[in-house]
Amino acid sequence: MATGRSHRPATRSRGIPEATVARLPLYLRALTALSERSVPTVSSEELAAAAGVNSAKLRKDFSYLGSYGTRGVGYDVEYLVYQISRELGLTQDWPVVIVGIGNLGAALANYGGFASRGFRVAALIDADPAMAGKPVAGIPVQHTDELERIIDDNGVSIGVIATPAGAAQQVCDRLVAAGVTSILNFAPTVLSVPEGVDVRKVDLSIELQILAFHEQRKAGEEAAALADGAVPHAVARKQSADKGPDGDVPAVMPA
């Protein structure tokens, strides 16, 4: 089976925009769900809705893959699953190391979606000597002293950093020096990497802050609506739910 070191995805050489690459996993997830339901074909409108994008954008994205579908029939689900999987490099074996086996690292190690999507957790690595040898998700944790050997022995090109922020850059530097060229960073810090190394950052606190912004904005809109004498959405929904069978709001019964 091919491994990550010897075969790299061809998306850059084929000129596929990064925005399109970022949407390919969304299409693949929707298509996989259709495949599991034995759905043979899907229209661009149906697939776009399932992926959460508009159909024009989907058709443009698929044009980069050389897939236009069949007018009046739609897209062949199984063929698109294969085509997108191949483009993303998921028809290969991608050994991955996870560094930092705290609560988050352990949760990632236990995530069952890696294997089904072409990723094999080759090793779990932690700096705590007390963790060495302890199994997590059936894989014994190894000490960071072994990091370079582990990467070389397994042909690893993708590393996952789930360490505290203060240790992340040092771990990143060691991963890169050992030959890792793609990093998924869960540590709450920005990593500095040389050209040719790809970093994807997952920061849960930032996502929550963005949601907090939207909640605050909605609260402000509700307050403005109250000031203008309008009925807030939440109150309107409750009043609608409280209406009796004839559409009237039931009278409040005395205690």
Foldseek 3Di string as FASTA:
>chain_A
DAEPLPDDACCVVLPQDPVLLVLLVLLLVLLVVCVVVVNFFDALCRSCVSSVHHSVVVQVSCVSLVDNADPPTHGGSVVSNVSSLRNNVQVEAAEEEEEACDPVSLVVLLDPVQVVRRYDDQAYEYQDPVQAQPDRNRHGYHYPVCVLVSCVVVVHQEYEYPHEQVCVQVVVVVCVVSHHQEYEYAYPDDYDDDPRRHYHYDDPVVVVVVVVVVVVVLVVVQVVCVVVVHDGPVRVVVQQVQADPVRHRDDDDDD
